[in-house]
Structures are given as C-alpha cells and as structure tokens.
Amino acid sequence: MNRNDITEKIITVKVAKGIQWADVAKKVGLSKEWTTAACLGQMTLDDKQAKIVGKIFGLTPEEQKWLQVVPYKGSLPTPVPADPLIYRWYEVVSVYGSTIKELIHEEFGDGIMSAIDFSMDIQRQADPKGDRVNVVLSGKFLPYKTY
C-alpha cells in the first residue's frame, strides 16, 4: 500500500457515491481547492483532517495514516500532459509566462511568487456568451536576497 493507492481509492469512492469536493471541504473545514489537492495526494493532512476524510471515503486507520505522510509533490505523469484542460494551463504559461514574470518583477522587484504560502480560488462566472472559469492565484512574494 502507498499514497497513490489511497488516492485511487478516494477517487473510486467519490465516483461511486457521487461525492462533491466542495462537500468534503466543508466537512474538513478548509477550501475546496486545498482539500481536493490533499485528497488527490498533493498535500499533507493532520490527524483530525485524515479522520474526517477517512470517514467520508471509508478509509481504514492505516489508510488514514498515509494521508498524513508528506507526499512527493507533482502528480502529473509527463512533462506536458495530454489532458486538454491541464495542457491549456501549460499553454497559458507558455504564452503569458514571460509577461507574468515581467509584470511581477516590475511591480515587486527580483523574486518569485510562493507556491507554499499560496491560495487558490476557482469559481464559475456567469456570462451570456458562455460561462467562464475564474481562477485567482495568490502567492506571497519572496524577494531574492543579496549576501
């Protein structure tokens, strides 16, 4: 048994029972984005969170312990995935990455946006021409230090 086995079990139970990530997040008490990432094996749950997720997905105590192990982050199987939705995120970075970098450096200076001190919000935005996906990424700015 490993973390990937637990992730697969969670996904299987989610599909079989028609569970929604937002409902899981409400029970855990965290955002749907972070909770989904945790259930997909990308974040570490504490004991209390693991027990809640375990109850929802019918996980054994041993399986719940796997949710508390720091995961190997980066779940994508290839450098550029073939999945169309994920591929489009690569396209966004490929097309707009240098613009994002330039504008962040112009506004903040030489540094990076943290993916550790980070939050994300994904919402449906109604539009008469077709609903839009509104994604807000918020990461702490970390300047490079001189020494």
N, C-alpha and C. Protein backbone atom coordinates (compact mmCIF):
# COMPACT_ATOMS: atom_id res chain seq x y z
N MET A 1 0.84 -1.18 0.00
CA MET A 1 0.00 0.00 0.00
C MET A 1 0.89 1.24 0.00
N ASN A 2 0.46 2.27 -0.75
CA ASN A 2 1.17 3.54 -0.77
C ASN A 2 0.18 4.68 -0.96
N ARG A 3 0.69 5.90 -1.00
CA ARG A 3 -0.17 7.08 -1.11
C ARG A 3 -1.01 7.06 -2.39
N ASN A 4 -0.43 6.58 -3.47
CA ASN A 4 -1.18 6.52 -4.74
C ASN A 4 -2.36 5.56 -4.64
N ASP A 5 -2.19 4.46 -3.92
CA ASP A 5 -3.30 3.52 -3.72
C ASP A 5 -4.46 4.20 -2.99
N ILE A 6 -4.14 5.03 -2.00
CA ILE A 6 -5.17 5.71 -1.23
C ILE A 6 -5.87 6.75 -2.11
N THR A 7 -5.11 7.46 -2.92
CA THR A 7 -5.70 8.43 -3.84
C THR A 7 -6.68 7.74 -4.79
N GLU A 8 -6.26 6.62 -5.34
CA GLU A 8 -7.14 5.87 -6.26
C GLU A 8 -8.40 5.41 -5.54
N LYS A 9 -8.28 4.98 -4.30
CA LYS A 9 -9.46 4.55 -3.54
C LYS A 9 -10.40 5.74 -3.32
N ILE A 10 -9.84 6.89 -2.95
CA ILE A 10 -10.67 8.09 -2.75
C ILE A 10 -11.43 8.43 -4.02
N ILE A 11 -10.75 8.43 -5.14
CA ILE A 11 -11.40 8.76 -6.42
C ILE A 11 -12.50 7.74 -6.74
N THR A 12 -12.22 6.46 -6.52
CA THR A 12 -13.19 5.40 -6.79
C THR A 12 -14.45 5.59 -5.95
N VAL A 13 -14.26 5.86 -4.66
CA VAL A 13 -15.41 6.05 -3.77
C VAL A 13 -16.16 7.33 -4.13
N LYS A 14 -15.43 8.38 -4.48
CA LYS A 14 -16.06 9.65 -4.88
C LYS A 14 -17.00 9.42 -6.06
N VAL A 15 -16.52 8.72 -7.05
CA VAL A 15 -17.33 8.45 -8.23
C VAL A 15 -18.52 7.55 -7.88
N ALA A 16 -18.26 6.49 -7.15
CA ALA A 16 -19.32 5.53 -6.81
C ALA A 16 -20.43 6.17 -5.98
N LYS A 17 -20.06 7.08 -5.08
CA LYS A 17 -21.05 7.68 -4.18
C LYS A 17 -21.53 9.06 -4.63
N GLY A 18 -20.95 9.58 -5.73
CA GLY A 18 -21.35 10.91 -6.22
C GLY A 18 -20.98 12.04 -5.27
N ILE A 19 -19.86 11.90 -4.61
CA ILE A 19 -19.40 12.89 -3.63
C ILE A 19 -18.83 14.11 -4.37
N GLN A 20 -19.12 15.29 -3.85
CA GLN A 20 -18.60 16.54 -4.42
C GLN A 20 -17.45 17.05 -3.54
N TRP A 21 -16.39 17.56 -4.19
CA TRP A 21 -15.24 18.07 -3.44
C TRP A 21 -15.63 19.19 -2.48
N ALA A 22 -16.56 20.06 -2.89
CA ALA A 22 -16.99 21.16 -2.02
C ALA A 22 -17.60 20.62 -0.73
N ASP A 23 -18.32 19.51 -0.81
CA ASP A 23 -18.93 18.91 0.39
C ASP A 23 -17.85 18.34 1.30
N VAL A 24 -16.84 17.72 0.71
CA VAL A 24 -15.72 17.19 1.51
C VAL A 24 -15.03 18.35 2.22
N ALA A 25 -14.78 19.43 1.49
CA ALA A 25 -14.09 20.59 2.04
C ALA A 25 -14.86 21.19 3.22
N LYS A 26 -16.17 21.26 3.11
CA LYS A 26 -16.98 21.81 4.21
C LYS A 26 -16.80 20.97 5.47
N LYS A 27 -16.77 19.66 5.32
CA LYS A 27 -16.60 18.77 6.48
C LYS A 27 -15.19 18.88 7.06
N VAL A 28 -14.20 19.06 6.20
CA VAL A 28 -12.82 19.20 6.66
C VAL A 28 -12.60 20.59 7.27
N GLY A 29 -13.33 21.58 6.74
CA GLY A 29 -13.20 22.94 7.24
C GLY A 29 -12.16 23.78 6.54
N LEU A 30 -11.82 23.37 5.31
CA LEU A 30 -10.84 24.11 4.51
C LEU A 30 -11.39 24.35 3.11
N SER A 31 -10.65 25.08 2.28
CA SER A 31 -11.12 25.40 0.94
C SER A 31 -11.27 24.15 0.09
N LYS A 32 -12.14 24.23 -0.91
CA LYS A 32 -12.32 23.09 -1.81
C LYS A 32 -11.05 22.84 -2.62
N GLU A 33 -10.30 23.91 -2.89
CA GLU A 33 -9.08 23.76 -3.69
C GLU A 33 -8.02 22.99 -2.91
N TRP A 34 -7.76 23.41 -1.66
CA TRP A 34 -6.74 22.73 -0.85
C TRP A 34 -7.17 21.31 -0.52
N THR A 35 -8.42 21.15 -0.14
CA THR A 35 -8.94 19.83 0.24
C THR A 35 -8.86 18.87 -0.94
N THR A 36 -9.21 19.33 -2.12
CA THR A 36 -9.12 18.48 -3.31
C THR A 36 -7.68 18.07 -3.56
N ALA A 37 -6.76 19.03 -3.47
CA ALA A 37 -5.34 18.72 -3.66
C ALA A 37 -4.88 17.67 -2.64
N ALA A 38 -5.35 17.79 -1.40
CA ALA A 38 -4.98 16.83 -0.36
C ALA A 38 -5.53 15.44 -0.69
N CYS A 39 -6.79 15.39 -1.10
CA CYS A 39 -7.40 14.10 -1.43
C CYS A 39 -6.76 13.47 -2.67
N LEU A 40 -6.21 14.29 -3.54
CA LEU A 40 -5.53 13.79 -4.73
C LEU A 40 -4.05 13.51 -4.47
N GLY A 41 -3.64 13.58 -3.20
CA GLY A 41 -2.30 13.16 -2.82
C GLY A 41 -1.23 14.22 -2.90
N GLN A 42 -1.61 15.50 -2.92
CA GLN A 42 -0.62 16.56 -3.07
C GLN A 42 -0.38 17.40 -1.83
N MET A 43 -1.16 17.18 -0.77
CA MET A 43 -0.99 17.91 0.49
C MET A 43 -1.02 16.92 1.64
N THR A 44 -0.50 17.35 2.79
CA THR A 44 -0.46 16.50 3.98
C THR A 44 -1.60 16.88 4.91
N LEU A 45 -2.42 15.91 5.28
CA LEU A 45 -3.50 16.15 6.24
C LEU A 45 -3.00 15.87 7.65
N ASP A 46 -3.55 16.59 8.62
CA ASP A 46 -3.24 16.26 10.00
C ASP A 46 -4.16 15.12 10.45
N ASP A 47 -4.00 14.65 11.68
CA ASP A 47 -4.75 13.51 12.16
C ASP A 47 -6.26 13.74 12.10
N LYS A 48 -6.70 14.91 12.56
CA LYS A 48 -8.13 15.23 12.56
C LYS A 48 -8.69 15.26 11.14
N GLN A 49 -7.99 15.93 10.24
CA GLN A 49 -8.43 16.01 8.85
C GLN A 49 -8.47 14.63 8.20
N ALA A 50 -7.44 13.82 8.47
CA ALA A 50 -7.37 12.47 7.90
C ALA A 50 -8.53 11.61 8.38
N LYS A 51 -8.93 11.77 9.64
CA LYS A 51 -10.06 11.01 10.16
C LYS A 51 -11.37 11.42 9.48
N ILE A 52 -11.54 12.71 9.24
CA ILE A 52 -12.74 13.20 8.55
C ILE A 52 -12.79 12.65 7.13
N VAL A 53 -11.67 12.78 6.41
CA VAL A 53 -11.60 12.26 5.04
C VAL A 53 -11.78 10.74 5.06
N GLY A 54 -11.17 10.10 6.03
CA GLY A 54 -11.30 8.65 6.16
C GLY A 54 -12.74 8.21 6.33
N LYS A 55 -13.48 8.94 7.14
CA LYS A 55 -14.90 8.61 7.35
C LYS A 55 -15.69 8.79 6.06
N ILE A 56 -15.46 9.89 5.37
CA ILE A 56 -16.19 10.18 4.13
C ILE A 56 -15.94 9.09 3.08
N PHE A 57 -14.69 8.66 2.96
CA PHE A 57 -14.31 7.74 1.88
C PHE A 57 -14.14 6.29 2.35
N GLY A 58 -14.47 6.01 3.62
CA GLY A 58 -14.39 4.64 4.12
C GLY A 58 -12.98 4.10 4.20
N LEU A 59 -12.04 4.94 4.63
CA LEU A 59 -10.64 4.53 4.72
C LEU A 59 -10.36 3.88 6.08
N THR A 60 -9.51 2.88 6.07
CA THR A 60 -9.10 2.22 7.30
C THR A 60 -8.15 3.15 8.07
N PRO A 61 -7.90 2.87 9.36
CA PRO A 61 -6.91 3.67 10.11
C PRO A 61 -5.54 3.67 9.43
N GLU A 62 -5.12 2.54 8.87
CA GLU A 62 -3.82 2.50 8.18
C GLU A 62 -3.84 3.41 6.95
N GLU A 63 -4.93 3.38 6.19
CA GLU A 63 -5.04 4.24 5.01
C GLU A 63 -5.06 5.71 5.40
N GLN A 64 -5.69 6.03 6.52
CA GLN A 64 -5.71 7.41 7.02
C GLN A 64 -4.31 7.89 7.37
N LYS A 65 -3.46 7.00 7.86
CA LYS A 65 -2.08 7.38 8.18
C LYS A 65 -1.32 7.80 6.91
N TRP A 66 -1.64 7.16 5.78
CA TRP A 66 -0.99 7.54 4.53
C TRP A 66 -1.32 8.98 4.14
N LEU A 67 -2.50 9.46 4.53
CA LEU A 67 -2.89 10.84 4.22
C LEU A 67 -2.06 11.83 5.02
N GLN A 68 -1.38 11.36 6.06
CA GLN A 68 -0.58 12.21 6.93
C GLN A 68 0.91 12.18 6.59
N VAL A 69 1.26 11.41 5.56
CA VAL A 69 2.65 11.33 5.10
C VAL A 69 2.89 12.46 4.10
N VAL A 70 3.98 13.16 4.24
CA VAL A 70 4.32 14.22 3.29
C VAL A 70 4.48 13.59 1.91
N PRO A 71 3.69 14.05 0.93
CA PRO A 71 3.71 13.42 -0.39
C PRO A 71 4.87 13.90 -1.26
N TYR A 72 5.13 13.12 -2.29
CA TYR A 72 6.01 13.56 -3.37
C TYR A 72 5.15 14.46 -4.24
N LYS A 73 5.43 15.74 -4.25
CA LYS A 73 4.56 16.68 -4.96
C LYS A 73 4.87 16.70 -6.45
N GLY A 74 3.84 16.94 -7.19
CA GLY A 74 3.94 16.94 -8.64
C GLY A 74 3.37 15.63 -9.15
N SER A 75 2.09 15.63 -9.42
CA SER A 75 1.40 14.38 -9.72
C SER A 75 1.26 14.09 -11.20
N LEU A 76 1.72 14.97 -12.05
CA LEU A 76 1.50 14.76 -13.47
C LEU A 76 2.51 13.77 -14.05
N PRO A 77 2.03 12.86 -14.90
CA PRO A 77 2.87 11.76 -15.35
C PRO A 77 3.91 12.10 -16.42
N THR A 78 3.73 13.19 -17.13
CA THR A 78 4.66 13.55 -18.22
C THR A 78 4.97 15.04 -18.14
N PRO A 79 6.06 15.47 -18.79
CA PRO A 79 6.39 16.90 -18.76
C PRO A 79 5.25 17.80 -19.27
N VAL A 80 4.63 17.45 -20.38
CA VAL A 80 3.48 18.19 -20.89
C VAL A 80 2.35 17.18 -21.07
N PRO A 81 1.38 17.19 -20.14
CA PRO A 81 0.30 16.20 -20.20
C PRO A 81 -0.56 16.35 -21.44
N ALA A 82 -1.15 15.26 -21.84
CA ALA A 82 -2.04 15.26 -23.00
C ALA A 82 -3.45 15.68 -22.64
N ASP A 83 -3.81 15.64 -21.34
CA ASP A 83 -5.16 16.04 -20.93
C ASP A 83 -5.41 17.48 -21.39
N PRO A 84 -6.48 17.73 -22.15
CA PRO A 84 -6.69 19.07 -22.73
C PRO A 84 -6.78 20.19 -21.71
N LEU A 85 -7.44 19.98 -20.58
CA LEU A 85 -7.56 21.06 -19.60
C LEU A 85 -6.20 21.39 -18.99
N ILE A 86 -5.46 20.38 -18.59
CA ILE A 86 -4.14 20.62 -18.00
C ILE A 86 -3.19 21.19 -19.05
N TYR A 87 -3.27 20.68 -20.27
CA TYR A 87 -2.43 21.20 -21.35
C TYR A 87 -2.65 22.69 -21.54
N ARG A 88 -3.89 23.16 -21.41
CA ARG A 88 -4.18 24.59 -21.60
C ARG A 88 -3.48 25.44 -20.53
N TRP A 89 -3.28 24.89 -19.33
CA TRP A 89 -2.53 25.63 -18.32
C TRP A 89 -1.07 25.77 -18.76
N TYR A 90 -0.53 24.73 -19.38
CA TYR A 90 0.82 24.83 -19.93
C TYR A 90 0.85 25.88 -21.04
N GLU A 91 -0.21 25.92 -21.84
CA GLU A 91 -0.30 26.91 -22.90
C GLU A 91 -0.33 28.32 -22.30
N VAL A 92 -1.10 28.52 -21.25
CA VAL A 92 -1.16 29.84 -20.60
C VAL A 92 0.24 30.27 -20.15
N VAL A 93 0.96 29.37 -19.50
CA VAL A 93 2.31 29.71 -19.03
C VAL A 93 3.25 29.92 -20.21
N SER A 94 3.10 29.10 -21.25
CA SER A 94 3.97 29.24 -22.42
C SER A 94 3.75 30.59 -23.12
N VAL A 95 2.49 30.99 -23.26
CA VAL A 95 2.18 32.23 -23.96
C VAL A 95 2.35 33.45 -23.06
N TYR A 96 1.88 33.36 -21.83
CA TYR A 96 1.87 34.52 -20.95
C TYR A 96 2.91 34.49 -19.83
N GLY A 97 3.69 33.41 -19.73
CA GLY A 97 4.65 33.29 -18.64
C GLY A 97 5.65 34.43 -18.60
N SER A 98 6.19 34.80 -19.73
CA SER A 98 7.17 35.89 -19.73
C SER A 98 6.51 37.22 -19.38
N THR A 99 5.25 37.40 -19.75
CA THR A 99 4.52 38.61 -19.39
C THR A 99 4.26 38.65 -17.89
N ILE A 100 3.82 37.53 -17.33
CA ILE A 100 3.58 37.44 -15.90
C ILE A 100 4.87 37.74 -15.14
N LYS A 101 5.97 37.12 -15.58
CA LYS A 101 7.27 37.33 -14.95
C LYS A 101 7.67 38.80 -15.03
N GLU A 102 7.56 39.40 -16.18
CA GLU A 102 7.94 40.80 -16.38
C GLU A 102 7.13 41.73 -15.47
N LEU A 103 5.81 41.50 -15.42
CA LEU A 103 4.95 42.38 -14.63
C LEU A 103 5.16 42.20 -13.12
N ILE A 104 5.40 40.98 -12.69
CA ILE A 104 5.69 40.76 -11.26
C ILE A 104 7.01 41.43 -10.90
N HIS A 105 8.03 41.27 -11.73
CA HIS A 105 9.32 41.90 -11.43
C HIS A 105 9.21 43.43 -11.46
N GLU A 106 8.44 43.95 -12.39
CA GLU A 106 8.28 45.40 -12.46
C GLU A 106 7.59 45.93 -11.20
N GLU A 107 6.60 45.21 -10.71
CA GLU A 107 5.83 45.65 -9.54
C GLU A 107 6.54 45.37 -8.22
N PHE A 108 7.19 44.19 -8.11
CA PHE A 108 7.74 43.75 -6.82
C PHE A 108 9.26 43.73 -6.76
N GLY A 109 9.92 43.65 -7.90
CA GLY A 109 11.37 43.50 -7.92
C GLY A 109 11.75 42.06 -8.23
N ASP A 110 13.02 41.74 -8.01
CA ASP A 110 13.55 40.42 -8.34
C ASP A 110 13.15 39.41 -7.27
N GLY A 111 12.32 38.45 -7.65
CA GLY A 111 11.87 37.43 -6.70
C GLY A 111 10.88 36.50 -7.35
N ILE A 112 10.16 35.75 -6.53
CA ILE A 112 9.21 34.76 -7.03
C ILE A 112 7.90 34.84 -6.25
N MET A 113 6.87 34.24 -6.82
CA MET A 113 5.61 34.06 -6.12
C MET A 113 5.63 32.68 -5.49
N SER A 114 5.39 32.64 -4.19
CA SER A 114 5.43 31.37 -3.47
C SER A 114 4.27 30.46 -3.88
N ALA A 115 4.56 29.17 -3.99
CA ALA A 115 3.51 28.16 -4.15
C ALA A 115 3.33 27.42 -2.82
N ILE A 116 4.03 27.88 -1.78
CA ILE A 116 3.88 27.31 -0.45
C ILE A 116 2.97 28.22 0.38
N ASP A 117 3.29 29.51 0.44
CA ASP A 117 2.42 30.49 1.08
C ASP A 117 1.48 30.97 -0.02
N PHE A 118 0.43 30.20 -0.26
CA PHE A 118 -0.33 30.28 -1.51
C PHE A 118 -1.79 29.94 -1.26
N SER A 119 -2.68 30.55 -2.01
CA SER A 119 -4.08 30.14 -2.02
C SER A 119 -4.61 30.23 -3.44
N MET A 120 -5.70 29.51 -3.67
CA MET A 120 -6.31 29.47 -4.98
C MET A 120 -7.82 29.45 -4.81
N ASP A 121 -8.52 30.13 -5.70
CA ASP A 121 -9.98 30.13 -5.67
C ASP A 121 -10.47 29.93 -7.09
N ILE A 122 -11.34 28.93 -7.28
CA ILE A 122 -11.90 28.64 -8.60
C ILE A 122 -13.41 28.79 -8.51
N GLN A 123 -13.96 29.64 -9.35
CA GLN A 123 -15.40 29.90 -9.36
C GLN A 123 -15.94 29.94 -10.78
N ARG A 124 -17.22 29.60 -10.90
CA ARG A 124 -17.93 29.76 -12.18
C ARG A 124 -18.36 31.21 -12.26
N GLN A 125 -18.15 31.82 -13.41
CA GLN A 125 -18.56 33.20 -13.65
C GLN A 125 -19.57 33.18 -14.79
N ALA A 126 -20.80 33.51 -14.46
CA ALA A 126 -21.86 33.51 -15.48
C ALA A 126 -21.56 34.56 -16.54
N ASP A 127 -21.82 34.20 -17.79
CA ASP A 127 -21.60 35.11 -18.90
C ASP A 127 -22.59 34.73 -20.00
N PRO A 128 -23.29 35.70 -20.59
CA PRO A 128 -24.27 35.37 -21.64
C PRO A 128 -23.65 34.70 -22.87
N LYS A 129 -22.36 34.90 -23.08
CA LYS A 129 -21.68 34.28 -24.22
C LYS A 129 -21.15 32.90 -23.89
N GLY A 130 -21.38 32.43 -22.67
CA GLY A 130 -20.86 31.15 -22.21
C GLY A 130 -20.13 31.34 -20.89
N ASP A 131 -20.46 30.51 -19.92
CA ASP A 131 -19.85 30.65 -18.60
C ASP A 131 -18.33 30.62 -18.69
N ARG A 132 -17.71 31.35 -17.77
CA ARG A 132 -16.26 31.48 -17.74
C ARG A 132 -15.72 30.84 -16.48
N VAL A 133 -14.47 30.44 -16.53
CA VAL A 133 -13.77 29.89 -15.38
C VAL A 133 -12.93 31.03 -14.79
N ASN A 134 -13.21 31.37 -13.53
CA ASN A 134 -12.47 32.44 -12.87
C ASN A 134 -11.52 31.78 -11.87
N VAL A 135 -10.22 31.92 -12.12
CA VAL A 135 -9.20 31.33 -11.25
C VAL A 135 -8.36 32.47 -10.67
N VAL A 136 -8.30 32.50 -9.35
CA VAL A 136 -7.47 33.50 -8.67
C VAL A 136 -6.36 32.75 -7.94
N LEU A 137 -5.12 33.08 -8.28
CA LEU A 137 -3.95 32.51 -7.61
C LEU A 137 -3.34 33.62 -6.76
N SER A 138 -3.06 33.33 -5.51
CA SER A 138 -2.50 34.34 -4.62
C SER A 138 -1.32 33.72 -3.87
N GLY A 139 -0.13 34.20 -4.18
CA GLY A 139 1.07 33.69 -3.51
C GLY A 139 1.89 34.82 -2.94
N LYS A 140 2.50 34.56 -1.80
CA LYS A 140 3.36 35.56 -1.17
C LYS A 140 4.56 35.84 -2.08
N PHE A 141 4.95 37.12 -2.17
CA PHE A 141 6.14 37.47 -2.93
C PHE A 141 7.37 37.22 -2.07
N LEU A 142 8.32 36.52 -2.63
CA LEU A 142 9.57 36.21 -1.94
C LEU A 142 10.73 36.81 -2.72
N PRO A 143 11.31 37.90 -2.22
CA PRO A 143 12.41 38.53 -2.94
C PRO A 143 13.70 37.72 -2.81
N TYR A 144 14.51 37.76 -3.85
CA TYR A 144 15.83 37.17 -3.76
C TYR A 144 16.68 38.02 -2.84
N LYS A 145 17.46 37.39 -1.99
CA LYS A 145 18.31 38.09 -1.03
C LYS A 145 19.70 38.31 -1.60
N THR A 146 20.30 39.39 -1.19
CA THR A 146 21.72 39.60 -1.52
C THR A 146 22.55 39.19 -0.30
N TYR A 147 23.72 38.67 -0.55
CA TYR A 147 24.59 38.25 0.56
C TYR A 147 26.03 38.37 0.17
